[in-house]
Amino acid sequence: MPKLLFICSQNRWRSLTAERLFDGHLTHEARSAGTEPGARVRVTAGHLGWADVIFVMEKKHADRLRAKFSDELRGKPLVNLRIPDDYQFQDPALVALLRERLRTYFGVEPEPLTALAAV
């Protein structure tokens, strides 16, 4: 089962929303973390070691990961979703944007994304 890690700054809105999209997913596992000291869950080498694919919301997140965890990132796909910090947790516009960007990455929309039923 592929393991997906979603990263934003504070792990409160964007990356946590992305993680929740995969709650109960049949073929993927997901976790999330943040790059900043005050993050709800701060990214560690262990998170990166666990993940098969790492998704960041902005280029600055990829830059921070590369600066601090270059060894742990070696050989792992690092995908920039290009989602600005303009959304609240589970914002329907954020959910739609995440679905669109993940569809682009996976080629098809990963289903079932059980959290979408609540939106």
PDB file of N, CA and C in Angstrom:
ATOM      1  N   MET A   1       0.850  -1.176   0.000  1.00  0.00           N
ATOM      2  CA  MET A   1       0.000   0.000   0.000  1.00  0.00           C
ATOM      3  C   MET A   1       0.894   1.237   0.000  1.00  0.00           C
ATOM      4  N   PRO A   2       0.846   2.051  -1.050  1.00  0.00           N
ATOM      5  CA  PRO A   2       1.680   3.254  -1.092  1.00  0.00           C
ATOM      6  C   PRO A   2       1.380   4.200   0.070  1.00  0.00           C
ATOM      7  N   LYS A   3       2.441   4.762   0.610  1.00  0.00           N
ATOM      8  CA  LYS A   3       2.340   5.672   1.748  1.00  0.00           C
ATOM      9  C   LYS A   3       2.611   7.094   1.280  1.00  0.00           C
ATOM     10  N   LEU A   4       1.633   7.968   1.486  1.00  0.00           N
ATOM     11  CA  LEU A   4       1.696   9.351   1.025  1.00  0.00           C
ATOM     12  C   LEU A   4       1.870  10.275   2.216  1.00  0.00           C
ATOM     13  N   LEU A   5       2.810  11.208   2.093  1.00  0.00           N
ATOM     14  CA  LEU A   5       3.044  12.210   3.132  1.00  0.00           C
ATOM     15  C   LEU A   5       2.761  13.586   2.554  1.00  0.00           C
ATOM     16  N   PHE A   6       1.891  14.332   3.216  1.00  0.00           N
ATOM     17  CA  PHE A   6       1.527  15.683   2.793  1.00  0.00           C
ATOM     18  C   PHE A   6       2.140  16.688   3.755  1.00  0.00           C
ATOM     19  N   ILE A   7       2.790  17.714   3.191  1.00  0.00           N
ATOM     20  CA  ILE A   7       3.530  18.699   3.982  1.00  0.00           C
ATOM     21  C   ILE A   7       3.051  20.105   3.652  1.00  0.00           C
ATOM     22  N   CYS A   8       2.795  20.890   4.709  1.00  0.00           N
ATOM     23  CA  CYS A   8       2.597  22.330   4.574  1.00  0.00           C
ATOM     24  C   CYS A   8       3.361  22.992   5.717  1.00  0.00           C
ATOM     25  N   SER A   9       3.064  24.217   6.030  1.00  0.00           N
ATOM     26  CA  SER A   9       3.824  24.926   7.065  1.00  0.00           C
ATOM     27  C   SER A   9       3.422  24.512   8.474  1.00  0.00           C
ATOM     28  N   GLN A  10       2.135  24.609   8.793  1.00  0.00           N
ATOM     29  CA  GLN A  10       1.671  24.404  10.161  1.00  0.00           C
ATOM     30  C   GLN A  10       0.950  23.082  10.396  1.00  0.00           C
ATOM     31  N   ASN A  11       0.665  22.331   9.338  1.00  0.00           N
ATOM     32  CA  ASN A  11      -0.062  21.066   9.449  1.00  0.00           C
ATOM     33  C   ASN A  11      -1.391  21.256  10.169  1.00  0.00           C
ATOM     34  N   ARG A  12      -2.074  22.325   9.802  1.00  0.00           N
ATOM     35  CA  ARG A  12      -3.380  22.579  10.399  1.00  0.00           C
ATOM     36  C   ARG A  12      -4.498  22.625   9.354  1.00  0.00           C
ATOM     37  N   TRP A  13      -4.202  23.038   8.125  1.00  0.00           N
ATOM     38  CA  TRP A  13      -5.241  23.225   7.121  1.00  0.00           C
ATOM     39  C   TRP A  13      -4.989  22.403   5.872  1.00  0.00           C
ATOM     40  N   ARG A  14      -3.986  22.781   5.080  1.00  0.00           N
ATOM     41  CA  ARG A  14      -3.797  22.142   3.773  1.00  0.00           C
ATOM     42  C   ARG A  14      -3.370  20.685   3.879  1.00  0.00           C
ATOM     43  N   SER A  15      -2.256  20.425   4.538  1.00  0.00           N
ATOM     44  CA  SER A  15      -1.757  19.046   4.582  1.00  0.00           C
ATOM     45  C   SER A  15      -2.683  18.143   5.389  1.00  0.00           C
ATOM     46  N   LEU A  16      -3.297  18.664   6.430  1.00  0.00           N
ATOM     47  CA  LEU A  16      -4.222  17.860   7.230  1.00  0.00           C
ATOM     48  C   LEU A  16      -5.484  17.536   6.424  1.00  0.00           C
ATOM     49  N   THR A  17      -5.963  18.487   5.638  1.00  0.00           N
ATOM     50  CA  THR A  17      -7.100  18.222   4.756  1.00  0.00           C
ATOM     51  C   THR A  17      -6.738  17.131   3.755  1.00  0.00           C
ATOM     52  N   ALA A  18      -5.551  17.218   3.166  1.00  0.00           N
ATOM     53  CA  ALA A  18      -5.111  16.191   2.210  1.00  0.00           C
ATOM     54  C   ALA A  18      -5.040  14.823   2.877  1.00  0.00           C
ATOM     55  N   GLU A  19      -4.490  14.770   4.085  1.00  0.00           N
ATOM     56  CA  GLU A  19      -4.432  13.499   4.809  1.00  0.00           C
ATOM     57  C   GLU A  19      -5.832  12.931   5.010  1.00  0.00           C
ATOM     58  N   ARG A  20      -6.770  13.765   5.411  1.00  0.00           N
ATOM     59  CA  ARG A  20      -8.138  13.316   5.695  1.00  0.00           C
ATOM     60  C   ARG A  20      -8.838  12.782   4.444  1.00  0.00           C
ATOM     61  N   LEU A  21      -8.455  13.262   3.262  1.00  0.00           N
ATOM     62  CA  LEU A  21      -9.033  12.733   2.029  1.00  0.00           C
ATOM     63  C   LEU A  21      -8.774  11.239   1.889  1.00  0.00           C
ATOM     64  N   PHE A  22      -7.729  10.750   2.512  1.00  0.00           N
ATOM     65  CA  PHE A  22      -7.348   9.341   2.377  1.00  0.00           C
ATOM     66  C   PHE A  22      -7.752   8.493   3.575  1.00  0.00           C
ATOM     67  N   ASP A  23      -8.518   9.060   4.524  1.00  0.00           N
ATOM     68  CA  ASP A  23      -9.028   8.256   5.644  1.00  0.00           C
ATOM     69  C   ASP A  23      -9.871   7.112   5.086  1.00  0.00           C
ATOM     70  N   GLY A  24      -9.548   5.900   5.481  1.00  0.00           N
ATOM     71  CA  GLY A  24     -10.300   4.745   5.031  1.00  0.00           C
ATOM     72  C   GLY A  24     -10.050   4.340   3.599  1.00  0.00           C
ATOM     73  N   HIS A  25      -9.040   4.917   2.964  1.00  0.00           N
ATOM     74  CA  HIS A  25      -8.742   4.586   1.577  1.00  0.00           C
ATOM     75  C   HIS A  25      -8.280   3.143   1.469  1.00  0.00           C
ATOM     76  N   LEU A  26      -8.702   2.458   0.436  1.00  0.00           N
ATOM     77  CA  LEU A  26      -8.400   1.040   0.295  1.00  0.00           C
ATOM     78  C   LEU A  26      -7.004   0.752  -0.237  1.00  0.00           C
ATOM     79  N   THR A  27      -6.402   1.697  -0.964  1.00  0.00           N
ATOM     80  CA  THR A  27      -5.121   1.386  -1.615  1.00  0.00           C
ATOM     81  C   THR A  27      -3.979   2.325  -1.252  1.00  0.00           C
ATOM     82  N   HIS A  28      -4.219   3.340  -0.426  1.00  0.00           N
ATOM     83  CA  HIS A  28      -3.170   4.279  -0.032  1.00  0.00           C
ATOM     84  C   HIS A  28      -3.290   4.607   1.452  1.00  0.00           C
ATOM     85  N   GLU A  29      -2.146   4.833   2.083  1.00  0.00           N
ATOM     86  CA  GLU A  29      -2.110   5.362   3.444  1.00  0.00           C
ATOM     87  C   GLU A  29      -1.590   6.785   3.360  1.00  0.00           C
ATOM     88  N   ALA A  30      -2.047   7.644   4.252  1.00  0.00           N
ATOM     89  CA  ALA A  30      -1.587   9.032   4.224  1.00  0.00           C
ATOM     90  C   ALA A  30      -1.350   9.549   5.635  1.00  0.00           C
ATOM     91  N   ARG A  31      -0.346  10.402   5.728  1.00  0.00           N
ATOM     92  CA  ARG A  31      -0.041  11.154   6.946  1.00  0.00           C
ATOM     93  C   ARG A  31       0.276  12.574   6.523  1.00  0.00           C
ATOM     94  N   SER A  32       0.368  13.462   7.509  1.00  0.00           N
ATOM     95  CA  SER A  32       0.707  14.849   7.204  1.00  0.00           C
ATOM     96  C   SER A  32       1.577  15.418   8.305  1.00  0.00           C
ATOM     97  N   ALA A  33       2.285  16.488   7.952  1.00  0.00           N
ATOM     98  CA  ALA A  33       3.170  17.166   8.902  1.00  0.00           C
ATOM     99  C   ALA A  33       3.439  18.569   8.387  1.00  0.00           C
ATOM    100  N   GLY A  34       4.068  19.373   9.240  1.00  0.00           N
ATOM    101  CA  GLY A  34       4.402  20.743   8.880  1.00  0.00           C
ATOM    102  C   GLY A  34       5.889  21.006   9.024  1.00  0.00           C
ATOM    103  N   THR A  35       6.344  22.044   8.372  1.00  0.00           N
ATOM    104  CA  THR A  35       7.777  22.377   8.381  1.00  0.00           C
ATOM    105  C   THR A  35       8.163  23.358   9.473  1.00  0.00           C
ATOM    106  N   GLU A  36       7.191  24.059  10.056  1.00  0.00           N
ATOM    107  CA  GLU A  36       7.499  25.132  11.006  1.00  0.00           C
ATOM    108  C   GLU A  36       7.543  24.628  12.457  1.00  0.00           C
ATOM    109  N   PRO A  37       8.321  25.326  13.307  1.00  0.00           N
ATOM    110  CA  PRO A  37       8.422  24.913  14.713  1.00  0.00           C
ATOM    111  C   PRO A  37       7.081  24.803  15.428  1.00  0.00           C
ATOM    112  N   GLY A  38       6.098  25.618  15.105  1.00  0.00           N
ATOM    113  CA  GLY A  38       4.801  25.570  15.767  1.00  0.00           C
ATOM    114  C   GLY A  38       3.793  24.646  15.119  1.00  0.00           C
ATOM    115  N   ALA A  39       4.232  23.795  14.200  1.00  0.00           N
ATOM    116  CA  ALA A  39       3.316  22.911  13.480  1.00  0.00           C
ATOM    117  C   ALA A  39       2.606  21.958  14.435  1.00  0.00           C
ATOM    118  N   ARG A  40       1.391  21.598  14.083  1.00  0.00           N
ATOM    119  CA  ARG A  40       0.608  20.630  14.861  1.00  0.00           C
ATOM    120  C   ARG A  40       1.400  19.330  14.999  1.00  0.00           C
ATOM    121  N   VAL A  41       1.929  18.827  13.890  1.00  0.00           N
ATOM    122  CA  VAL A  41       2.875  17.711  13.857  1.00  0.00           C
ATOM    123  C   VAL A  41       4.031  18.186  12.994  1.00  0.00           C
ATOM    124  N   ARG A  42       5.218  18.243  13.556  1.00  0.00           N
ATOM    125  CA  ARG A  42       6.379  18.726  12.801  1.00  0.00           C
ATOM    126  C   ARG A  42       7.055  17.556  12.096  1.00  0.00           C
ATOM    127  N   VAL A  43       7.397  17.771  10.837  1.00  0.00           N
ATOM    128  CA  VAL A  43       8.004  16.718  10.026  1.00  0.00           C
ATOM    129  C   VAL A  43       9.339  16.279  10.620  1.00  0.00           C
ATOM    130  N   THR A  44       9.570  14.973  10.594  1.00  0.00           N
ATOM    131  CA  THR A  44      10.817  14.385  11.095  1.00  0.00           C
ATOM    132  C   THR A  44      11.397  13.464  10.028  1.00  0.00           C
ATOM    133  N   ALA A  45      12.607  13.018  10.265  1.00  0.00           N
ATOM    134  CA  ALA A  45      13.225  12.038   9.373  1.00  0.00           C
ATOM    135  C   ALA A  45      12.389  10.767   9.328  1.00  0.00           C
ATOM    136  N   GLY A  46      11.750  10.423  10.442  1.00  0.00           N
ATOM    137  CA  GLY A  46      10.895   9.242  10.485  1.00  0.00           C
ATOM    138  C   GLY A  46       9.714   9.330   9.539  1.00  0.00           C
ATOM    139  N   HIS A  47       9.102  10.509   9.441  1.00  0.00           N
ATOM    140  CA  HIS A  47       8.004  10.697   8.491  1.00  0.00           C
ATOM    141  C   HIS A  47       8.484  10.438   7.066  1.00  0.00           C
ATOM    142  N   LEU A  48       9.639  11.018   6.746  1.00  0.00           N
ATOM    143  CA  LEU A  48      10.158  10.887   5.386  1.00  0.00           C
ATOM    144  C   LEU A  48      10.573   9.448   5.092  1.00  0.00           C
ATOM    145  N   GLY A  49      11.112   8.764   6.087  1.00  0.00           N
ATOM    146  CA  GLY A  49      11.468   7.358   5.913  1.00  0.00           C
ATOM    147  C   GLY A  49      10.248   6.488   5.681  1.00  0.00           C
ATOM    148  N   TRP A  50       9.145   6.817   6.336  1.00  0.00           N
ATOM    149  CA  TRP A  50       7.896   6.067   6.197  1.00  0.00           C
ATOM    150  C   TRP A  50       7.290   6.234   4.807  1.00  0.00           C
ATOM    151  N   ALA A  51       7.379   7.429   4.238  1.00  0.00           N
ATOM    152  CA  ALA A  51       6.652   7.786   3.013  1.00  0.00           C
ATOM    153  C   ALA A  51       7.276   7.181   1.760  1.00  0.00           C
ATOM    154  N   ASP A  52       6.388   6.822   0.831  1.00  0.00           N
ATOM    155  CA  ASP A  52       6.820   6.434  -0.515  1.00  0.00           C
ATOM    156  C   ASP A  52       6.830   7.640  -1.446  1.00  0.00           C
ATOM    157  N   VAL A  53       5.879   8.548  -1.242  1.00  0.00           N
ATOM    158  CA  VAL A  53       5.771   9.772  -2.043  1.00  0.00           C
ATOM    159  C   VAL A  53       5.500  10.919  -1.080  1.00  0.00           C
ATOM    160  N   ILE A  54       6.175  12.044  -1.306  1.00  0.00           N
ATOM    161  CA  ILE A  54       6.020  13.226  -0.458  1.00  0.00           C
ATOM    162  C   ILE A  54       5.426  14.348  -1.311  1.00  0.00           C
ATOM    163  N   PHE A  55       4.310  14.894  -0.836  1.00  0.00           N
ATOM    164  CA  PHE A  55       3.642  16.004  -1.500  1.00  0.00           C
ATOM    165  C   PHE A  55       3.810  17.243  -0.639  1.00  0.00           C
ATOM    166  N   VAL A  56       4.275  18.323  -1.236  1.00  0.00           N
ATOM    167  CA  VAL A  56       4.367  19.606  -0.537  1.00  0.00           C
ATOM    168  C   VAL A  56       3.359  20.557  -1.166  1.00  0.00           C
ATOM    169  N   MET A  57       2.945  21.544  -0.391  1.00  0.00           N
ATOM    170  CA  MET A  57       1.957  22.496  -0.883  1.00  0.00           C
ATOM    171  C   MET A  57       2.600  23.636  -1.666  1.00  0.00           C
ATOM    172  N   GLU A  58       3.852  23.991  -1.315  1.00  0.00           N
ATOM    173  CA  GLU A  58       4.544  25.107  -1.971  1.00  0.00           C
ATOM    174  C   GLU A  58       6.027  24.768  -2.123  1.00  0.00           C
ATOM    175  N   LYS A  59       6.680  25.474  -3.021  1.00  0.00           N
ATOM    176  CA  LYS A  59       8.109  25.277  -3.257  1.00  0.00           C
ATOM    177  C   LYS A  59       8.925  25.476  -1.983  1.00  0.00           C
ATOM    178  N   LYS A  60       8.524  26.435  -1.137  1.00  0.00           N
ATOM    179  CA  LYS A  60       9.293  26.695   0.077  1.00  0.00           C
ATOM    180  C   LYS A  60       9.322  25.474   0.987  1.00  0.00           C
ATOM    181  N   HIS A  61       8.283  24.659   0.960  1.00  0.00           N
ATOM    182  CA  HIS A  61       8.276  23.446   1.776  1.00  0.00           C
ATOM    183  C   HIS A  61       9.288  22.429   1.240  1.00  0.00           C
ATOM    184  N   ALA A  62       9.353  22.299  -0.073  1.00  0.00           N
ATOM    185  CA  ALA A  62      10.348  21.401  -0.680  1.00  0.00           C
ATOM    186  C   ALA A  62      11.755  21.890  -0.367  1.00  0.00           C
ATOM    187  N   ASP A  63      11.971  23.198  -0.450  1.00  0.00           N
ATOM    188  CA  ASP A  63      13.287  23.761  -0.152  1.00  0.00           C
ATOM    189  C   ASP A  63      13.695  23.477   1.291  1.00  0.00           C
ATOM    190  N   ARG A  64      12.756  23.631   2.212  1.00  0.00           N
ATOM    191  CA  ARG A  64      13.060  23.372   3.627  1.00  0.00           C
ATOM    192  C   ARG A  64      13.371  21.897   3.867  1.00  0.00           C
ATOM    193  N   LEU A  65      12.606  21.032   3.230  1.00  0.00           N
ATOM    194  CA  LEU A  65      12.885  19.603   3.379  1.00  0.00           C
ATOM    195  C   LEU A  65      14.248  19.239   2.813  1.00  0.00           C
ATOM    196  N   ARG A  66      14.567  19.755   1.642  1.00  0.00           N
ATOM    197  CA  ARG A  66      15.875  19.453   1.029  1.00  0.00           C
ATOM    198  C   ARG A  66      17.028  19.972   1.883  1.00  0.00           C
ATOM    199  N   ALA A  67      16.837  21.143   2.501  1.00  0.00           N
ATOM    200  CA  ALA A  67      17.896  21.728   3.328  1.00  0.00           C
ATOM    201  C   ALA A  67      18.143  20.912   4.590  1.00  0.00           C
ATOM    202  N   LYS A  68      17.092  20.368   5.169  1.00  0.00           N
ATOM    203  CA  LYS A  68      17.225  19.674   6.446  1.00  0.00           C
ATOM    204  C   LYS A  68      17.320  18.153   6.324  1.00  0.00           C
ATOM    205  N   PHE A  69      16.727  17.583   5.273  1.00  0.00           N
ATOM    206  CA  PHE A  69      16.612  16.132   5.178  1.00  0.00           C
ATOM    207  C   PHE A  69      17.072  15.585   3.822  1.00  0.00           C
ATOM    208  N   SER A  70      18.162  16.092   3.301  1.00  0.00           N
ATOM    209  CA  SER A  70      18.573  15.674   1.956  1.00  0.00           C
ATOM    210  C   SER A  70      18.810  14.166   1.861  1.00  0.00           C
ATOM    211  N   ASP A  71      19.418  13.561   2.861  1.00  0.00           N
ATOM    212  CA  ASP A  71      19.663  12.116   2.825  1.00  0.00           C
ATOM    213  C   ASP A  71      18.356  11.325   2.832  1.00  0.00           C
ATOM    214  N   GLU A  72      17.418  11.729   3.654  1.00  0.00           N
ATOM    215  CA  GLU A  72      16.152  11.019   3.782  1.00  0.00           C
ATOM    216  C   GLU A  72      15.293  11.134   2.521  1.00  0.00           C
ATOM    217  N   LEU A  73      15.497  12.187   1.750  1.00  0.00           N
ATOM    218  CA  LEU A  73      14.726  12.402   0.527  1.00  0.00           C
ATOM    219  C   LEU A  73      15.294  11.667  -0.680  1.00  0.00           C
ATOM    220  N   ARG A  74      16.521  11.215  -0.586  1.00  0.00           N
ATOM    221  CA  ARG A  74      17.187  10.581  -1.723  1.00  0.00           C
ATOM    222  C   ARG A  74      16.352   9.415  -2.255  1.00  0.00           C
ATOM    223  N   GLY A  75      16.030   9.489  -3.538  1.00  0.00           N
ATOM    224  CA  GLY A  75      15.287   8.431  -4.203  1.00  0.00           C
ATOM    225  C   GLY A  75      13.779   8.476  -4.008  1.00  0.00           C
ATOM    226  N   LYS A  76      13.282   9.487  -3.312  1.00  0.00           N
ATOM    227  CA  LYS A  76      11.840   9.586  -3.070  1.00  0.00           C
ATOM    228  C   LYS A  76      11.233  10.681  -3.946  1.00  0.00           C
ATOM    229  N   PRO A  77      10.092  10.406  -4.564  1.00  0.00           N
ATOM    230  CA  PRO A  77       9.418  11.459  -5.324  1.00  0.00           C
ATOM    231  C   PRO A  77       8.961  12.579  -4.388  1.00  0.00           C
ATOM    232  N   LEU A  78       9.228  13.813  -4.798  1.00  0.00           N
ATOM    233  CA  LEU A  78       8.819  15.001  -4.059  1.00  0.00           C
ATOM    234  C   LEU A  78       7.988  15.850  -5.024  1.00  0.00           C
ATOM    235  N   VAL A  79       6.689  15.950  -4.756  1.00  0.00           N
ATOM    236  CA  VAL A  79       5.741  16.573  -5.677  1.00  0.00           C
ATOM    237  C   VAL A  79       5.221  17.869  -5.078  1.00  0.00           C
ATOM    238  N   ASN A  80       5.352  18.964  -5.820  1.00  0.00           N
ATOM    239  CA  ASN A  80       4.827  20.260  -5.387  1.00  0.00           C
ATOM    240  C   ASN A  80       3.420  20.415  -5.958  1.00  0.00           C
ATOM    241  N   LEU A  81       2.433  20.474  -5.071  1.00  0.00           N
ATOM    242  CA  LEU A  81       1.041  20.629  -5.493  1.00  0.00           C
ATOM    243  C   LEU A  81       0.667  22.072  -5.825  1.00  0.00           C
ATOM    244  N   ARG A  82       1.533  23.030  -5.471  1.00  0.00           N
ATOM    245  CA  ARG A  82       1.319  24.444  -5.791  1.00  0.00           C
ATOM    246  C   ARG A  82      -0.030  24.943  -5.261  1.00  0.00           C
ATOM    247  N   ILE A  83      -0.256  24.734  -3.966  1.00  0.00           N
ATOM    248  CA  ILE A  83      -1.497  25.178  -3.325  1.00  0.00           C
ATOM    249  C   ILE A  83      -1.136  26.233  -2.285  1.00  0.00           C
ATOM    250  N   PRO A  84      -1.544  27.491  -2.519  1.00  0.00           N
ATOM    251  CA  PRO A  84      -1.196  28.570  -1.590  1.00  0.00           C
ATOM    252  C   PRO A  84      -1.926  28.447  -0.255  1.00  0.00           C
ATOM    253  N   ASP A  85      -1.447  29.168   0.721  1.00  0.00           N
ATOM    254  CA  ASP A  85      -2.007  29.140   2.071  1.00  0.00           C
ATOM    255  C   ASP A  85      -3.208  30.086   2.155  1.00  0.00           C
ATOM    256  N   ASP A  86      -4.247  29.767   1.377  1.00  0.00           N
ATOM    257  CA  ASP A  86      -5.435  30.612   1.280  1.00  0.00           C
ATOM    258  C   ASP A  86      -6.696  29.904   1.768  1.00  0.00           C
ATOM    259  N   TYR A  87      -6.561  28.767   2.420  1.00  0.00           N
ATOM    260  CA  TYR A  87      -7.719  27.931   2.739  1.00  0.00           C
ATOM    261  C   TYR A  87      -7.710  27.514   4.205  1.00  0.00           C
ATOM    262  N   GLN A  88      -8.904  27.257   4.728  1.00  0.00           N
ATOM    263  CA  GLN A  88      -9.080  26.700   6.056  1.00  0.00           C
ATOM    264  C   GLN A  88      -9.188  25.179   5.942  1.00  0.00           C
ATOM    265  N   PHE A  89      -9.123  24.491   7.076  1.00  0.00           N
ATOM    266  CA  PHE A  89      -9.264  23.036   7.119  1.00  0.00           C
ATOM    267  C   PHE A  89     -10.605  22.605   6.516  1.00  0.00           C
ATOM    268  N   GLN A  90     -10.541  21.667   5.598  1.00  0.00           N
ATOM    269  CA  GLN A  90     -11.696  21.066   4.923  1.00  0.00           C
ATOM    270  C   GLN A  90     -12.518  22.065   4.102  1.00  0.00           C
ATOM    271  N   ASP A  91     -11.930  23.201   3.753  1.00  0.00           N
ATOM    272  CA  ASP A  91     -12.586  24.164   2.874  1.00  0.00           C
ATOM    273  C   ASP A  91     -12.970  23.438   1.581  1.00  0.00           C
ATOM    274  N   PRO A  92     -14.229  23.528   1.147  1.00  0.00           N
ATOM    275  CA  PRO A  92     -14.628  22.832  -0.083  1.00  0.00           C
ATOM    276  C   PRO A  92     -13.773  23.204  -1.302  1.00  0.00           C
ATOM    277  N   ALA A  93     -13.334  24.455  -1.383  1.00  0.00           N
ATOM    278  CA  ALA A  93     -12.465  24.856  -2.500  1.00  0.00           C
ATOM    279  C   ALA A  93     -11.105  24.165  -2.400  1.00  0.00           C
ATOM    280  N   LEU A  94     -10.586  23.997  -1.191  1.00  0.00           N
ATOM    281  CA  LEU A  94      -9.320  23.292  -0.988  1.00  0.00           C
ATOM    282  C   LEU A  94      -9.477  21.817  -1.346  1.00  0.00           C
ATOM    283  N   VAL A  95     -10.569  21.211  -0.904  1.00  0.00           N
ATOM    284  CA  VAL A  95     -10.816  19.801  -1.223  1.00  0.00           C
ATOM    285  C   VAL A  95     -10.874  19.615  -2.741  1.00  0.00           C
ATOM    286  N   ALA A  96     -11.574  20.505  -3.434  1.00  0.00           N
ATOM    287  CA  ALA A  96     -11.678  20.411  -4.898  1.00  0.00           C
ATOM    288  C   ALA A  96     -10.313  20.579  -5.550  1.00  0.00           C
ATOM    289  N   LEU A  97      -9.518  21.520  -5.071  1.00  0.00           N
ATOM    290  CA  LEU A  97      -8.190  21.746  -5.633  1.00  0.00           C
ATOM    291  C   LEU A  97      -7.276  20.549  -5.381  1.00  0.00           C
ATOM    292  N   LEU A  98      -7.320  20.007  -4.179  1.00  0.00           N
ATOM    293  CA  LEU A  98      -6.525  18.812  -3.880  1.00  0.00           C
ATOM    294  C   LEU A  98      -6.929  17.653  -4.787  1.00  0.00           C
ATOM    295  N   ARG A  99      -8.227  17.456  -4.947  1.00  0.00           N
ATOM    296  CA  ARG A  99      -8.697  16.380  -5.838  1.00  0.00           C
ATOM    297  C   ARG A  99      -8.164  16.575  -7.248  1.00  0.00           C
ATOM    298  N   GLU A 100      -8.236  17.800  -7.742  1.00  0.00           N
ATOM    299  CA  GLU A 100      -7.750  18.095  -9.092  1.00  0.00           C
ATOM    300  C   GLU A 100      -6.253  17.819  -9.218  1.00  0.00           C
ATOM    301  N   ARG A 101      -5.463  18.317  -8.277  1.00  0.00           N
ATOM    302  CA  ARG A 101      -4.009  18.149  -8.349  1.00  0.00           C
ATOM    303  C   ARG A 101      -3.607  16.688  -8.167  1.00  0.00           C
ATOM    304  N   LEU A 102      -4.279  15.980  -7.275  1.00  0.00           N
ATOM    305  CA  LEU A 102      -3.961  14.565  -7.073  1.00  0.00           C
ATOM    306  C   LEU A 102      -4.392  13.731  -8.268  1.00  0.00           C
ATOM    307  N   ARG A 103      -5.481  14.105  -8.912  1.00  0.00           N
ATOM    308  CA  ARG A 103      -5.910  13.430 -10.137  1.00  0.00           C
ATOM    309  C   ARG A 103      -4.828  13.567 -11.202  1.00  0.00           C
ATOM    310  N   THR A 104      -4.242  14.747 -11.299  1.00  0.00           N
ATOM    311  CA  THR A 104      -3.153  14.977 -12.251  1.00  0.00           C
ATOM    312  C   THR A 104      -1.973  14.065 -11.943  1.00  0.00           C
ATOM    313  N   TYR A 105      -1.638  13.941 -10.661  1.00  0.00           N
ATOM    314  CA  TYR A 105      -0.496  13.116 -10.280  1.00  0.00           C
ATOM    315  C   TYR A 105      -0.771  11.625 -10.502  1.00  0.00           C
ATOM    316  N   PHE A 106      -1.923  11.148 -10.064  1.00  0.00           N
ATOM    317  CA  PHE A 106      -2.229   9.723 -10.135  1.00  0.00           C
ATOM    318  C   PHE A 106      -2.750   9.291 -11.500  1.00  0.00           C
ATOM    319  N   GLY A 107      -3.155  10.229 -12.342  1.00  0.00           N
ATOM    320  CA  GLY A 107      -3.715   9.889 -13.639  1.00  0.00           C
ATOM    321  C   GLY A 107      -5.222   9.682 -13.567  1.00  0.00           C
ATOM    322  N   VAL A 108      -5.701   9.239 -12.425  1.00  0.00           N
ATOM    323  CA  VAL A 108      -7.133   9.121 -12.154  1.00  0.00           C
ATOM    324  C   VAL A 108      -7.331   9.589 -10.729  1.00  0.00           C
ATOM    325  N   GLU A 109      -8.557   9.892 -10.394  1.00  0.00           N
ATOM    326  CA  GLU A 109      -8.829  10.332  -9.028  1.00  0.00           C
ATOM    327  C   GLU A 109      -8.783   9.131  -8.098  1.00  0.00           C
ATOM    328  N   PRO A 110      -7.969   9.189  -7.042  1.00  0.00           N
ATOM    329  CA  PRO A 110      -7.949   8.062  -6.118  1.00  0.00           C
ATOM    330  C   PRO A 110      -9.291   7.933  -5.415  1.00  0.00           C
ATOM    331  N   GLU A 111      -9.869   6.769  -5.445  1.00  0.00           N
ATOM    332  CA  GLU A 111     -11.170   6.526  -4.811  1.00  0.00           C
ATOM    333  C   GLU A 111     -11.055   5.331  -3.885  1.00  0.00           C
ATOM    334  N   PRO A 112     -11.851   5.174  -2.865  1.00  0.00           N
ATOM    335  CA  PRO A 112     -12.790   6.180  -2.404  1.00  0.00           C
ATOM    336  C   PRO A 112     -12.106   7.166  -1.478  1.00  0.00           C
ATOM    337  N   LEU A 113     -12.389   8.406  -1.639  1.00  0.00           N
ATOM    338  CA  LEU A 113     -11.922   9.425  -0.708  1.00  0.00           C
ATOM    339  C   LEU A 113     -13.101   9.707   0.216  1.00  0.00           C
ATOM    340  N   THR A 114     -13.205   8.968   1.286  1.00  0.00           N
ATOM    341  CA  THR A 114     -14.397   8.954   2.120  1.00  0.00           C
ATOM    342  C   THR A 114     -14.726  10.300   2.719  1.00  0.00           C
ATOM    343  N   ALA A 115     -13.723  11.143   2.991  1.00  0.00           N
ATOM    344  CA  ALA A 115     -13.993  12.449   3.587  1.00  0.00           C
ATOM    345  C   ALA A 115     -14.784  13.346   2.643  1.00  0.00           C
ATOM    346  N   LEU A 116     -14.754  13.043   1.339  1.00  0.00           N
ATOM    347  CA  LEU A 116     -15.458  13.891   0.384  1.00  0.00           C
ATOM    348  C   LEU A 116     -16.969  13.783   0.536  1.00  0.00           C
ATOM    349  N   ALA A 117     -17.458  12.680   1.064  1.00  0.00           N
ATOM    350  CA  ALA A 117     -18.882  12.521   1.255  1.00  0.00           C
ATOM    351  C   ALA A 117     -19.438  13.545   2.236  1.00  0.00           C
ATOM    352  N   ALA A 118     -18.591  14.000   3.161  1.00  0.00           N
ATOM    353  CA  ALA A 118     -19.022  14.964   4.170  1.00  0.00           C
ATOM    354  C   ALA A 118     -18.995  16.389   3.654  1.00  0.00           C
ATOM    355  N   VAL A 119     -18.373  16.606   2.508  1.00  0.00           N
ATOM    356  CA  VAL A 119     -18.222  17.960   1.987  1.00  0.00           C
ATOM    357  C   VAL A 119     -19.380  18.322   1.092  1.00  0.00           C
TER     358      VAL A 119
END
